């Protein structure tokens, strides 16, 4: 359980007690129901983290809504987008084991997280991680209802694959961006679990170097 759930729930239970005492007990039902909803919403189940070499796990629970090739700073990358509904677990997890190289918070709009343009225009937290010379970026993107993004680690921290890193409150989206050569392991419409579902496999550095050398030879 994320501790925020206790804050919301205990506050609402206190409100329910006051309402029930000042008016009629039946009016305390609504805040009681909301209290139990928050306890359920902020659940934080344990997950079995895959140990496969090169595995990139999902940064959150939800549904894969888009897999596409994008260009970031002149470099081609694969972007996997995951929509988190209000019914999903909202705890976010690190997609790989590595060191945080950059954390950048970008203010923006609160468009529906299902909208493709939300990846660029919505309020979001952009985290760049590095492992064995390979970079993976994941974004915590606010949605139509989400109004707060929480991220605990700092630049320079080393994270383990599947480690809890924060959460987005009340409906949102996470994007994972990785090298174009990565082997994608999911498809649009798949249900994924943060820290447990393998989104893709990164290619070993020596394989990338060999592929790059072969491409140079072909151009000669």
N, C-alpha and C. Protein backbone atom coordinates (compact mmCIF):
# COMPACT_ATOMS: atom_id res chain seq x y z
N UNK A 1 0.84 -1.20 0.00
CA UNK A 1 0.00 0.00 0.00
C UNK A 1 0.88 1.25 0.00
N UNK A 2 0.63 2.17 -0.94
CA UNK A 2 1.31 3.46 -0.94
C UNK A 2 0.75 4.30 0.20
N UNK A 3 1.62 4.96 0.95
CA UNK A 3 1.16 5.66 2.16
C UNK A 3 0.12 6.73 1.88
N UNK A 4 0.11 7.29 0.65
CA UNK A 4 -0.91 8.29 0.29
C UNK A 4 -2.31 7.74 0.49
N UNK A 5 -2.48 6.43 0.26
CA UNK A 5 -3.79 5.82 0.41
C UNK A 5 -4.30 5.93 1.83
N UNK A 6 -3.39 5.77 2.80
CA UNK A 6 -3.80 5.90 4.20
C UNK A 6 -4.21 7.33 4.54
N UNK A 7 -3.47 8.32 3.98
CA UNK A 7 -3.80 9.73 4.25
C UNK A 7 -5.21 10.05 3.76
N UNK A 8 -5.50 9.67 2.50
CA UNK A 8 -6.82 9.94 1.94
C UNK A 8 -7.90 9.19 2.73
N UNK A 9 -7.64 7.90 2.98
CA UNK A 9 -8.66 7.06 3.62
C UNK A 9 -8.97 7.53 5.04
N UNK A 10 -7.93 7.79 5.83
CA UNK A 10 -8.17 8.19 7.22
C UNK A 10 -8.87 9.55 7.30
N UNK A 11 -8.52 10.45 6.37
CA UNK A 11 -9.19 11.75 6.34
C UNK A 11 -10.67 11.58 6.04
N UNK A 12 -10.98 10.75 5.06
CA UNK A 12 -12.38 10.54 4.68
C UNK A 12 -13.16 9.80 5.78
N UNK A 13 -12.50 8.87 6.46
CA UNK A 13 -13.18 8.18 7.56
C UNK A 13 -13.48 9.14 8.71
N UNK A 14 -12.56 10.09 8.92
CA UNK A 14 -12.80 11.11 9.95
C UNK A 14 -13.98 11.99 9.55
N UNK A 15 -14.03 12.35 8.26
CA UNK A 15 -15.15 13.14 7.75
C UNK A 15 -16.45 12.36 7.91
N UNK A 16 -16.40 11.06 7.61
CA UNK A 16 -17.60 10.23 7.73
C UNK A 16 -18.09 10.20 9.18
N UNK A 17 -17.15 10.10 10.12
CA UNK A 17 -17.53 10.06 11.54
C UNK A 17 -18.21 11.36 11.97
N UNK A 18 -17.65 12.49 11.50
CA UNK A 18 -18.22 13.80 11.85
C UNK A 18 -19.62 13.96 11.24
N UNK A 19 -19.74 13.58 9.96
CA UNK A 19 -21.04 13.69 9.29
C UNK A 19 -22.08 12.80 9.97
N UNK A 20 -21.67 11.57 10.29
CA UNK A 20 -22.59 10.65 10.95
C UNK A 20 -23.03 11.14 12.32
N UNK A 21 -22.14 11.84 13.00
CA UNK A 21 -22.46 12.35 14.34
C UNK A 21 -23.34 13.59 14.28
N UNK A 22 -23.06 14.49 13.31
CA UNK A 22 -23.81 15.75 13.21
C UNK A 22 -25.14 15.59 12.48
N UNK A 23 -25.21 14.61 11.57
CA UNK A 23 -26.46 14.45 10.80
C UNK A 23 -27.04 13.06 11.06
N UNK A 24 -27.13 12.28 10.01
CA UNK A 24 -27.63 10.91 10.13
C UNK A 24 -26.55 9.96 9.62
N UNK A 25 -26.40 8.77 10.20
CA UNK A 25 -25.35 7.82 9.78
C UNK A 25 -25.36 7.49 8.29
N UNK A 26 -26.56 7.52 7.68
CA UNK A 26 -26.64 7.16 6.27
C UNK A 26 -25.81 8.09 5.40
N UNK A 27 -25.67 9.36 5.83
CA UNK A 27 -24.89 10.32 5.03
C UNK A 27 -23.39 10.05 5.11
N UNK A 28 -22.98 9.21 6.01
CA UNK A 28 -21.55 8.86 6.13
C UNK A 28 -21.13 7.77 5.14
N UNK A 29 -22.09 7.21 4.43
CA UNK A 29 -21.77 6.11 3.50
C UNK A 29 -20.84 6.58 2.39
N UNK A 30 -21.13 7.76 1.82
CA UNK A 30 -20.34 8.25 0.67
C UNK A 30 -18.87 8.41 1.03
N UNK A 31 -18.51 9.16 2.10
CA UNK A 31 -17.09 9.26 2.42
C UNK A 31 -16.46 7.92 2.80
N UNK A 32 -17.24 7.00 3.37
CA UNK A 32 -16.70 5.67 3.69
C UNK A 32 -16.35 4.90 2.41
N UNK A 33 -17.25 4.98 1.43
CA UNK A 33 -17.00 4.31 0.15
C UNK A 33 -15.76 4.90 -0.52
N UNK A 34 -15.64 6.23 -0.49
CA UNK A 34 -14.46 6.87 -1.07
C UNK A 34 -13.19 6.46 -0.34
N UNK A 35 -13.26 6.32 0.97
CA UNK A 35 -12.10 5.90 1.76
C UNK A 35 -11.62 4.53 1.32
N UNK A 36 -12.54 3.59 1.15
CA UNK A 36 -12.16 2.24 0.71
C UNK A 36 -11.66 2.25 -0.73
N UNK A 37 -12.21 3.17 -1.57
CA UNK A 37 -11.71 3.29 -2.94
C UNK A 37 -10.24 3.71 -2.94
N UNK A 38 -9.88 4.69 -2.11
CA UNK A 38 -8.50 5.15 -2.08
C UNK A 38 -7.56 4.07 -1.55
N UNK A 39 -8.01 3.29 -0.60
CA UNK A 39 -7.19 2.18 -0.11
C UNK A 39 -6.94 1.18 -1.23
N UNK A 40 -7.96 0.94 -2.05
CA UNK A 40 -7.82 0.03 -3.19
C UNK A 40 -6.97 0.65 -4.29
N UNK A 41 -7.17 1.92 -4.58
CA UNK A 41 -6.46 2.58 -5.67
C UNK A 41 -4.96 2.61 -5.42
N UNK A 42 -4.56 2.85 -4.18
CA UNK A 42 -3.13 2.97 -3.87
C UNK A 42 -2.50 1.64 -3.46
N UNK A 43 -3.08 0.55 -3.90
CA UNK A 43 -2.50 -0.77 -3.63
C UNK A 43 -1.13 -0.89 -4.33
N UNK A 44 -0.27 -1.69 -3.76
CA UNK A 44 1.09 -1.82 -4.29
C UNK A 44 1.54 -3.28 -4.19
N UNK A 45 1.06 -4.13 -5.09
CA UNK A 45 1.36 -5.57 -5.00
C UNK A 45 2.82 -5.88 -5.32
N UNK A 46 3.31 -6.98 -4.74
CA UNK A 46 4.65 -7.46 -5.07
C UNK A 46 4.64 -8.06 -6.47
N UNK A 47 5.77 -7.98 -7.15
CA UNK A 47 5.87 -8.51 -8.50
C UNK A 47 7.11 -9.39 -8.63
N UNK A 48 7.02 -10.42 -9.49
CA UNK A 48 8.17 -11.25 -9.82
C UNK A 48 8.90 -10.57 -10.98
N UNK A 49 10.12 -10.10 -10.72
CA UNK A 49 10.88 -9.35 -11.72
C UNK A 49 11.67 -10.30 -12.62
N UNK A 50 11.48 -10.24 -13.95
CA UNK A 50 12.23 -11.12 -14.87
C UNK A 50 13.73 -10.87 -14.77
N UNK A 51 14.49 -11.96 -14.89
CA UNK A 51 15.95 -11.85 -14.81
C UNK A 51 16.61 -12.02 -16.18
N UNK A 52 15.80 -12.05 -17.26
CA UNK A 52 16.34 -12.25 -18.60
C UNK A 52 17.32 -11.14 -18.98
N UNK A 53 18.42 -11.52 -19.61
CA UNK A 53 19.41 -10.54 -20.06
C UNK A 53 18.79 -9.59 -21.08
N UNK A 54 19.01 -8.29 -20.88
CA UNK A 54 18.54 -7.29 -21.83
C UNK A 54 17.06 -6.97 -21.74
N UNK A 55 16.35 -7.55 -20.76
CA UNK A 55 14.91 -7.33 -20.67
C UNK A 55 14.59 -5.91 -20.22
N UNK A 56 13.61 -5.30 -20.87
CA UNK A 56 13.08 -4.00 -20.48
C UNK A 56 11.66 -4.24 -20.00
N UNK A 57 11.40 -4.03 -18.73
CA UNK A 57 10.08 -4.32 -18.18
C UNK A 57 9.19 -3.08 -18.23
N UNK A 58 7.90 -3.31 -18.11
CA UNK A 58 6.95 -2.21 -18.15
C UNK A 58 7.14 -1.28 -16.95
N UNK A 59 7.02 0.01 -17.20
CA UNK A 59 7.15 1.00 -16.13
C UNK A 59 5.86 1.16 -15.35
N UNK A 60 4.78 0.55 -15.84
CA UNK A 60 3.51 0.68 -15.14
C UNK A 60 2.51 -0.36 -15.59
N UNK A 61 1.41 -0.49 -14.85
CA UNK A 61 0.31 -1.38 -15.22
C UNK A 61 -0.59 -0.67 -16.22
N UNK A 62 -1.15 -1.42 -17.14
CA UNK A 62 -2.09 -0.80 -18.07
C UNK A 62 -2.20 -1.55 -19.37
N UNK A 63 -2.59 -0.81 -20.42
CA UNK A 63 -2.80 -1.38 -21.75
C UNK A 63 -1.87 -0.71 -22.75
N UNK A 64 -1.19 -1.51 -23.56
CA UNK A 64 -0.33 -0.96 -24.61
C UNK A 64 -1.22 -0.32 -25.67
N UNK A 65 -1.07 0.98 -25.86
CA UNK A 65 -1.91 1.70 -26.82
C UNK A 65 -1.19 2.10 -28.10
N UNK A 66 0.14 2.07 -28.06
CA UNK A 66 0.88 2.49 -29.26
C UNK A 66 2.30 1.94 -29.21
N UNK A 67 2.77 1.49 -30.37
CA UNK A 67 4.17 1.10 -30.56
C UNK A 67 4.60 1.71 -31.88
N UNK A 68 5.56 2.61 -31.83
CA UNK A 68 5.93 3.31 -33.06
C UNK A 68 7.40 3.71 -33.04
N UNK A 69 7.88 4.10 -34.21
CA UNK A 69 9.24 4.61 -34.35
C UNK A 69 9.19 6.14 -34.31
N UNK A 70 10.01 6.72 -33.48
CA UNK A 70 10.07 8.18 -33.36
C UNK A 70 11.53 8.62 -33.49
N UNK A 71 11.71 9.90 -33.75
CA UNK A 71 13.06 10.46 -33.84
C UNK A 71 13.27 11.41 -32.68
N UNK A 72 14.30 11.17 -31.90
CA UNK A 72 14.63 12.01 -30.75
C UNK A 72 16.05 12.51 -30.91
N UNK A 73 16.19 13.82 -31.06
CA UNK A 73 17.50 14.45 -31.27
C UNK A 73 18.26 13.80 -32.42
N UNK A 74 17.54 13.54 -33.50
CA UNK A 74 18.14 12.99 -34.70
C UNK A 74 18.40 11.49 -34.67
N UNK A 75 17.96 10.83 -33.60
CA UNK A 75 18.20 9.39 -33.45
C UNK A 75 16.88 8.64 -33.43
N UNK A 76 16.80 7.58 -34.24
CA UNK A 76 15.59 6.77 -34.29
C UNK A 76 15.43 5.92 -33.04
N UNK A 77 14.22 5.90 -32.48
CA UNK A 77 13.94 5.12 -31.29
C UNK A 77 12.57 4.46 -31.39
N UNK A 78 12.40 3.41 -30.62
CA UNK A 78 11.10 2.75 -30.51
C UNK A 78 10.39 3.26 -29.27
N UNK A 79 9.13 3.69 -29.43
CA UNK A 79 8.36 4.18 -28.30
C UNK A 79 7.19 3.24 -28.04
N UNK A 80 7.09 2.78 -26.80
CA UNK A 80 5.98 1.93 -26.37
C UNK A 80 5.16 2.73 -25.36
N UNK A 81 3.89 2.93 -25.67
CA UNK A 81 3.01 3.74 -24.81
C UNK A 81 2.02 2.85 -24.08
N UNK A 82 1.83 3.13 -22.79
CA UNK A 82 0.95 2.34 -21.94
C UNK A 82 -0.03 3.27 -21.23
N UNK A 83 -1.31 3.00 -21.39
CA UNK A 83 -2.35 3.80 -20.75
C UNK A 83 -2.75 3.16 -19.43
N UNK A 84 -2.75 3.97 -18.36
CA UNK A 84 -3.16 3.51 -17.03
C UNK A 84 -4.54 4.08 -16.74
N UNK A 85 -5.53 3.23 -16.65
CA UNK A 85 -6.87 3.70 -16.28
C UNK A 85 -6.94 3.85 -14.78
N UNK A 86 -8.03 4.41 -14.30
CA UNK A 86 -8.20 4.62 -12.85
C UNK A 86 -8.28 3.28 -12.12
N UNK A 87 -8.50 2.17 -12.84
CA UNK A 87 -8.62 0.86 -12.22
C UNK A 87 -7.29 0.13 -12.11
N UNK A 88 -6.23 0.66 -12.74
CA UNK A 88 -4.93 0.02 -12.70
C UNK A 88 -4.12 0.41 -11.47
N UNK A 89 -3.14 -0.44 -11.12
CA UNK A 89 -2.15 -0.07 -10.12
C UNK A 89 -1.35 1.09 -10.69
N UNK A 90 -1.13 2.14 -9.88
CA UNK A 90 -0.46 3.33 -10.40
C UNK A 90 0.97 3.52 -9.91
N UNK A 91 1.51 2.52 -9.24
CA UNK A 91 2.92 2.57 -8.84
C UNK A 91 3.78 2.35 -10.08
N UNK A 92 4.77 3.20 -10.29
CA UNK A 92 5.68 3.08 -11.43
C UNK A 92 6.97 2.39 -11.02
N UNK A 93 7.56 1.66 -11.97
CA UNK A 93 8.77 0.90 -11.70
C UNK A 93 9.83 1.15 -12.78
N UNK A 94 11.08 0.96 -12.40
CA UNK A 94 12.19 1.18 -13.33
C UNK A 94 12.19 0.10 -14.41
N UNK A 95 12.28 0.48 -15.69
CA UNK A 95 12.25 -0.52 -16.76
C UNK A 95 13.52 -1.35 -16.88
N UNK A 96 14.65 -0.81 -16.41
CA UNK A 96 15.92 -1.54 -16.50
C UNK A 96 16.72 -1.33 -15.21
N UNK A 97 17.80 -2.08 -15.08
CA UNK A 97 18.77 -1.84 -14.02
C UNK A 97 19.81 -0.89 -14.59
N UNK A 98 20.04 0.21 -13.92
CA UNK A 98 21.00 1.18 -14.43
C UNK A 98 21.06 2.42 -13.58
N UNK A 99 21.76 3.41 -14.09
CA UNK A 99 21.98 4.67 -13.37
C UNK A 99 21.14 5.78 -13.99
N UNK A 100 20.51 6.59 -13.16
CA UNK A 100 19.74 7.72 -13.66
C UNK A 100 20.69 8.82 -14.09
N UNK A 101 20.63 9.18 -15.35
CA UNK A 101 21.50 10.22 -15.90
C UNK A 101 20.83 11.59 -15.95
N UNK A 102 19.50 11.60 -16.03
CA UNK A 102 18.81 12.88 -16.12
C UNK A 102 17.35 12.70 -15.70
N UNK A 103 16.83 13.71 -15.01
CA UNK A 103 15.42 13.77 -14.66
C UNK A 103 14.94 15.17 -15.01
N UNK A 104 13.95 15.25 -15.87
CA UNK A 104 13.48 16.57 -16.31
C UNK A 104 11.96 16.64 -16.21
N UNK A 105 11.48 17.61 -15.45
CA UNK A 105 10.03 17.80 -15.29
C UNK A 105 9.56 18.84 -16.28
N UNK A 106 8.56 18.49 -17.07
CA UNK A 106 8.05 19.38 -18.11
C UNK A 106 6.60 19.74 -17.82
N UNK A 107 6.35 21.02 -17.61
CA UNK A 107 4.97 21.46 -17.41
C UNK A 107 4.22 21.42 -18.74
N UNK A 108 2.92 21.26 -18.65
CA UNK A 108 2.16 21.18 -19.89
C UNK A 108 0.67 21.07 -19.64
N UNK A 109 -0.02 20.48 -20.60
CA UNK A 109 -1.47 20.39 -20.55
C UNK A 109 -1.90 19.08 -19.89
N UNK A 110 -3.21 18.89 -19.78
CA UNK A 110 -3.76 17.68 -19.18
C UNK A 110 -4.76 17.07 -20.16
N UNK A 111 -4.26 16.76 -21.37
CA UNK A 111 -5.09 16.13 -22.38
C UNK A 111 -5.34 14.67 -22.01
N UNK A 112 -6.35 14.08 -22.64
CA UNK A 112 -6.59 12.65 -22.43
C UNK A 112 -5.33 11.88 -22.76
N UNK A 113 -4.88 11.01 -21.84
CA UNK A 113 -3.64 10.27 -22.03
C UNK A 113 -3.71 9.29 -23.20
N UNK A 114 -4.92 8.99 -23.70
CA UNK A 114 -5.07 8.13 -24.87
C UNK A 114 -4.70 8.87 -26.15
N UNK A 115 -4.70 10.19 -26.08
CA UNK A 115 -4.38 11.02 -27.23
C UNK A 115 -2.88 10.98 -27.50
N UNK A 116 -2.48 10.70 -28.74
CA UNK A 116 -1.06 10.57 -29.07
C UNK A 116 -0.27 11.84 -28.77
N UNK A 117 -0.89 13.01 -28.97
CA UNK A 117 -0.15 14.26 -28.76
C UNK A 117 0.15 14.52 -27.28
N UNK A 118 -0.50 13.75 -26.38
CA UNK A 118 -0.23 13.94 -24.96
C UNK A 118 1.22 13.61 -24.62
N UNK A 119 1.86 12.77 -25.44
CA UNK A 119 3.25 12.39 -25.20
C UNK A 119 4.19 13.58 -25.27
N UNK A 120 3.79 14.61 -26.01
CA UNK A 120 4.63 15.79 -26.16
C UNK A 120 4.10 17.00 -25.40
N UNK A 121 2.77 17.12 -25.29
CA UNK A 121 2.18 18.34 -24.76
C UNK A 121 1.72 18.28 -23.31
N UNK A 122 1.54 17.09 -22.76
CA UNK A 122 1.05 16.99 -21.38
C UNK A 122 2.17 17.20 -20.36
N UNK A 123 1.76 17.54 -19.15
CA UNK A 123 2.72 17.63 -18.06
C UNK A 123 3.33 16.25 -17.84
N UNK A 124 4.66 16.20 -17.66
CA UNK A 124 5.32 14.90 -17.59
C UNK A 124 6.68 14.97 -16.90
N UNK A 125 7.14 13.81 -16.47
CA UNK A 125 8.46 13.66 -15.87
C UNK A 125 9.26 12.72 -16.77
N UNK A 126 10.39 13.20 -17.27
CA UNK A 126 11.18 12.45 -18.25
C UNK A 126 12.47 11.97 -17.59
N UNK A 127 12.64 10.66 -17.54
CA UNK A 127 13.78 10.05 -16.84
C UNK A 127 14.66 9.32 -17.85
N UNK A 128 15.95 9.66 -17.87
CA UNK A 128 16.91 8.99 -18.74
C UNK A 128 17.80 8.08 -17.91
N UNK A 129 17.86 6.81 -18.29
CA UNK A 129 18.68 5.83 -17.58
C UNK A 129 19.72 5.23 -18.52
N UNK A 130 20.83 4.82 -17.94
CA UNK A 130 21.89 4.22 -18.73
C UNK A 130 22.35 2.92 -18.09
N UNK A 131 22.56 1.92 -18.94
CA UNK A 131 23.04 0.62 -18.47
C UNK A 131 23.96 0.03 -19.52
N UNK A 132 25.22 -0.18 -19.17
CA UNK A 132 26.20 -0.76 -20.09
C UNK A 132 26.26 0.02 -21.40
N UNK A 133 26.22 1.33 -21.31
CA UNK A 133 26.34 2.17 -22.49
C UNK A 133 25.07 2.34 -23.29
N UNK A 134 23.99 1.71 -22.87
CA UNK A 134 22.72 1.82 -23.58
C UNK A 134 21.75 2.66 -22.76
N UNK A 135 21.00 3.52 -23.44
CA UNK A 135 20.09 4.43 -22.75
C UNK A 135 18.63 4.01 -22.97
N UNK A 136 17.86 4.14 -21.92
CA UNK A 136 16.42 3.92 -21.98
C UNK A 136 15.76 5.11 -21.29
N UNK A 137 14.76 5.68 -21.93
CA UNK A 137 14.03 6.82 -21.39
C UNK A 137 12.61 6.38 -21.07
N UNK A 138 12.13 6.77 -19.91
CA UNK A 138 10.72 6.54 -19.65
C UNK A 138 10.08 7.82 -19.13
N UNK A 139 8.83 8.01 -19.53
CA UNK A 139 8.10 9.22 -19.18
C UNK A 139 6.89 8.88 -18.33
N UNK A 140 6.71 9.64 -17.25
CA UNK A 140 5.47 9.59 -16.48
C UNK A 140 4.64 10.77 -16.98
N UNK A 141 3.53 10.48 -17.63
CA UNK A 141 2.75 11.52 -18.30
C UNK A 141 1.40 11.69 -17.62
N UNK A 142 1.09 12.91 -17.22
CA UNK A 142 -0.20 13.21 -16.59
C UNK A 142 -1.31 13.06 -17.62
N UNK A 143 -2.49 12.67 -17.16
CA UNK A 143 -3.63 12.51 -18.05
C UNK A 143 -4.73 13.52 -17.76
N UNK A 144 -5.93 13.18 -18.19
CA UNK A 144 -7.08 14.08 -18.03
C UNK A 144 -7.42 14.28 -16.56
N UNK A 145 -7.29 13.22 -15.77
CA UNK A 145 -7.60 13.30 -14.34
C UNK A 145 -6.36 13.46 -13.47
N UNK A 146 -5.23 12.96 -13.97
CA UNK A 146 -4.00 13.02 -13.17
C UNK A 146 -3.56 14.46 -12.97
N UNK A 147 -3.24 14.80 -11.73
CA UNK A 147 -2.79 16.15 -11.44
C UNK A 147 -1.51 16.17 -10.60
N UNK A 148 -0.94 14.99 -10.38
CA UNK A 148 0.29 14.95 -9.61
C UNK A 148 1.15 13.77 -10.02
N UNK A 149 2.41 14.04 -10.34
CA UNK A 149 3.37 13.02 -10.69
C UNK A 149 4.40 12.95 -9.56
N UNK A 150 4.64 11.73 -9.06
CA UNK A 150 5.58 11.55 -7.97
C UNK A 150 6.76 10.70 -8.46
N UNK A 151 7.99 11.17 -8.19
CA UNK A 151 9.19 10.42 -8.56
C UNK A 151 10.20 10.57 -7.43
N UNK A 152 10.65 9.45 -6.86
CA UNK A 152 11.49 9.48 -5.67
C UNK A 152 13.00 9.56 -5.91
N UNK A 153 13.59 8.79 -6.85
CA UNK A 153 15.05 8.78 -6.99
C UNK A 153 15.60 10.11 -7.52
N UNK A 154 16.93 10.22 -7.51
CA UNK A 154 17.61 11.41 -8.00
C UNK A 154 18.66 11.04 -9.04
N UNK A 155 19.12 12.04 -9.76
CA UNK A 155 20.18 11.82 -10.75
C UNK A 155 21.40 11.22 -10.05
N UNK A 156 21.95 10.18 -10.65
CA UNK A 156 23.10 9.50 -10.08
C UNK A 156 22.75 8.25 -9.31
N UNK A 157 21.47 8.10 -8.93
CA UNK A 157 21.04 6.89 -8.21
C UNK A 157 21.07 5.68 -9.14
N UNK A 158 21.43 4.55 -8.58
CA UNK A 158 21.37 3.30 -9.34
C UNK A 158 20.10 2.56 -8.95
N UNK A 159 19.37 2.14 -9.97
CA UNK A 159 18.11 1.43 -9.75
C UNK A 159 18.22 0.00 -10.25
N UNK A 160 17.46 -0.88 -9.63
CA UNK A 160 17.36 -2.24 -10.10
C UNK A 160 16.15 -2.36 -11.02
N UNK A 161 16.19 -3.31 -11.91
CA UNK A 161 15.06 -3.55 -12.80
C UNK A 161 13.81 -3.85 -11.97
N UNK A 162 12.72 -3.14 -12.27
CA UNK A 162 11.46 -3.36 -11.55
C UNK A 162 11.36 -2.65 -10.23
N UNK A 163 12.38 -1.87 -9.85
CA UNK A 163 12.34 -1.15 -8.57
C UNK A 163 11.28 -0.07 -8.60
N UNK A 164 10.55 0.11 -7.50
CA UNK A 164 9.54 1.15 -7.40
C UNK A 164 10.22 2.52 -7.46
N UNK A 165 9.66 3.43 -8.27
CA UNK A 165 10.27 4.76 -8.41
C UNK A 165 9.29 5.91 -8.15
N UNK A 166 7.99 5.64 -8.14
CA UNK A 166 7.01 6.71 -7.93
C UNK A 166 5.64 6.28 -8.38
N UNK A 167 4.80 7.27 -8.69
CA UNK A 167 3.45 6.97 -9.15
C UNK A 167 2.84 8.21 -9.81
N UNK A 168 1.76 7.98 -10.53
CA UNK A 168 0.97 9.07 -11.12
C UNK A 168 -0.45 8.86 -10.61
N UNK A 169 -1.05 9.92 -10.11
CA UNK A 169 -2.35 9.77 -9.45
C UNK A 169 -3.53 9.95 -10.41
N UNK A 170 -4.39 8.95 -10.41
CA UNK A 170 -5.73 9.01 -11.01
C UNK A 170 -5.76 9.05 -12.54
N UNK A 171 -5.23 8.04 -13.17
CA UNK A 171 -5.33 7.92 -14.62
C UNK A 171 -4.21 8.63 -15.33
N UNK A 172 -3.48 7.93 -16.19
CA UNK A 172 -2.29 8.54 -16.76
C UNK A 172 -1.71 7.67 -17.86
N UNK A 173 -0.43 7.91 -18.16
CA UNK A 173 0.24 7.19 -19.24
C UNK A 173 1.74 7.12 -18.95
N UNK A 174 2.36 6.02 -19.33
CA UNK A 174 3.81 5.94 -19.28
C UNK A 174 4.31 5.55 -20.67
N UNK A 175 5.38 6.19 -21.10
CA UNK A 175 6.04 5.87 -22.36
C UNK A 175 7.43 5.35 -22.04
N UNK A 176 7.86 4.33 -22.77
CA UNK A 176 9.22 3.82 -22.67
C UNK A 176 9.86 3.94 -24.04
N UNK A 177 10.99 4.63 -24.12
CA UNK A 177 11.70 4.83 -25.38
C UNK A 177 13.04 4.11 -25.32
N UNK A 178 13.31 3.30 -26.34
CA UNK A 178 14.54 2.54 -26.38
C UNK A 178 15.08 2.48 -27.80
N UNK A 179 16.28 1.97 -27.92
CA UNK A 179 16.95 1.94 -29.21
C UNK A 179 16.08 1.24 -30.26
N UNK A 180 16.18 1.71 -31.49
CA UNK A 180 15.35 1.18 -32.56
C UNK A 180 15.61 -0.31 -32.81
N UNK A 181 16.82 -0.77 -32.45
CA UNK A 181 17.18 -2.17 -32.69
C UNK A 181 16.60 -3.12 -31.65
N UNK A 182 15.97 -2.58 -30.62
CA UNK A 182 15.42 -3.43 -29.56
C UNK A 182 14.33 -4.35 -30.12
N UNK A 183 14.26 -5.56 -29.59
CA UNK A 183 13.26 -6.54 -30.03
C UNK A 183 12.01 -6.40 -29.16
N UNK A 184 10.94 -5.87 -29.75
CA UNK A 184 9.70 -5.62 -29.02
C UNK A 184 9.01 -6.94 -28.70
N UNK A 185 8.52 -7.07 -27.48
CA UNK A 185 7.95 -8.32 -27.00
C UNK A 185 6.44 -8.22 -26.73
N UNK A 186 5.83 -7.05 -27.03
CA UNK A 186 4.40 -6.87 -26.80
C UNK A 186 3.76 -6.32 -28.06
N UNK A 187 2.44 -6.26 -28.06
CA UNK A 187 1.71 -5.69 -29.19
C UNK A 187 0.62 -4.78 -28.65
N UNK A 188 0.08 -3.94 -29.53
CA UNK A 188 -0.99 -3.02 -29.13
C UNK A 188 -2.19 -3.82 -28.62
N UNK A 189 -2.72 -3.38 -27.48
CA UNK A 189 -3.86 -4.06 -26.88
C UNK A 189 -3.48 -4.99 -25.74
N UNK A 190 -2.19 -5.30 -25.62
CA UNK A 190 -1.75 -6.18 -24.53
C UNK A 190 -1.92 -5.52 -23.17
N UNK A 191 -2.30 -6.30 -22.17
CA UNK A 191 -2.34 -5.84 -20.79
C UNK A 191 -0.98 -6.13 -20.16
N UNK A 192 -0.39 -5.14 -19.53
CA UNK A 192 0.95 -5.31 -18.97
C UNK A 192 0.95 -4.96 -17.48
N UNK A 193 1.94 -5.50 -16.77
CA UNK A 193 2.10 -5.24 -15.34
C UNK A 193 3.47 -4.64 -15.08
N UNK A 194 3.48 -3.56 -14.31
CA UNK A 194 4.72 -2.87 -14.01
C UNK A 194 5.73 -3.77 -13.32
N UNK A 195 6.95 -3.80 -13.84
CA UNK A 195 8.02 -4.59 -13.25
C UNK A 195 7.98 -6.06 -13.60
N UNK A 196 6.89 -6.56 -14.17
CA UNK A 196 6.74 -7.99 -14.43
C UNK A 196 6.68 -8.34 -15.91
N UNK A 197 6.04 -7.49 -16.72
CA UNK A 197 5.89 -7.77 -18.14
C UNK A 197 7.10 -7.25 -18.91
N UNK A 198 7.70 -8.09 -19.74
CA UNK A 198 8.83 -7.68 -20.57
C UNK A 198 8.31 -6.99 -21.82
N UNK A 199 8.62 -5.71 -21.96
CA UNK A 199 8.19 -4.95 -23.14
C UNK A 199 9.07 -5.24 -24.35
N UNK A 200 10.37 -5.38 -24.10
CA UNK A 200 11.32 -5.55 -25.19
C UNK A 200 12.64 -6.08 -24.65
N UNK A 201 13.51 -6.47 -25.58
CA UNK A 201 14.85 -6.91 -25.22
C UNK A 201 15.87 -6.03 -25.94
N UNK A 202 16.79 -5.47 -25.18
CA UNK A 202 17.86 -4.68 -25.77
C UNK A 202 18.88 -5.61 -26.42
N UNK A 203 19.43 -5.17 -27.54
CA UNK A 203 20.47 -5.94 -28.20
C UNK A 203 21.79 -5.74 -27.47
N UNK A 204 22.60 -6.81 -27.31
CA UNK A 204 23.91 -6.65 -26.67
C UNK A 204 24.77 -5.65 -27.44
N UNK A 205 25.63 -4.95 -26.73
CA UNK A 205 26.47 -3.93 -27.34
C UNK A 205 27.34 -4.50 -28.46
N UNK A 206 27.86 -5.73 -28.29
CA UNK A 206 28.72 -6.30 -29.33
C UNK A 206 27.93 -6.60 -30.59
N UNK A 207 26.64 -6.96 -30.41
CA UNK A 207 25.79 -7.22 -31.58
C UNK A 207 25.51 -5.93 -32.33
N UNK A 208 25.30 -4.83 -31.57
CA UNK A 208 25.07 -3.53 -32.21
C UNK A 208 26.30 -3.07 -32.95
N UNK A 209 27.48 -3.30 -32.36
CA UNK A 209 28.73 -2.89 -33.01
C UNK A 209 28.94 -3.66 -34.30
N UNK A 210 28.63 -4.96 -34.28
CA UNK A 210 28.77 -5.79 -35.48
C UNK A 210 27.82 -5.34 -36.57
N UNK A 211 26.57 -5.01 -36.16
CA UNK A 211 25.58 -4.55 -37.13
C UNK A 211 26.00 -3.22 -37.73
N UNK A 212 26.56 -2.34 -36.90
CA UNK A 212 27.02 -1.04 -37.41
C UNK A 212 28.16 -1.20 -38.38
N UNK A 213 29.09 -2.11 -38.09
CA UNK A 213 30.22 -2.35 -38.98
C UNK A 213 29.75 -2.93 -40.31
N UNK A 214 28.76 -3.81 -40.25
CA UNK A 214 28.23 -4.41 -41.48
C UNK A 214 27.56 -3.36 -42.34
N UNK A 215 26.85 -2.41 -41.69
CA UNK A 215 26.18 -1.34 -42.44
C UNK A 215 27.20 -0.46 -43.15
N UNK A 216 28.32 -0.19 -42.48
CA UNK A 216 29.37 0.63 -43.09
C UNK A 216 29.96 -0.08 -44.29
N UNK A 217 30.20 -1.41 -44.15
CA UNK A 217 30.75 -2.19 -45.26
C UNK A 217 29.82 -2.18 -46.46
N UNK A 218 28.51 -2.27 -46.22
CA UNK A 218 27.55 -2.29 -47.32
C UNK A 218 27.52 -0.97 -48.06
N UNK A 219 27.78 0.13 -47.33
CA UNK A 219 27.76 1.44 -47.99
C UNK A 219 29.00 1.69 -48.83
N UNK A 220 30.08 0.94 -48.61
CA UNK A 220 31.31 1.13 -49.38
C UNK A 220 31.19 0.57 -50.79
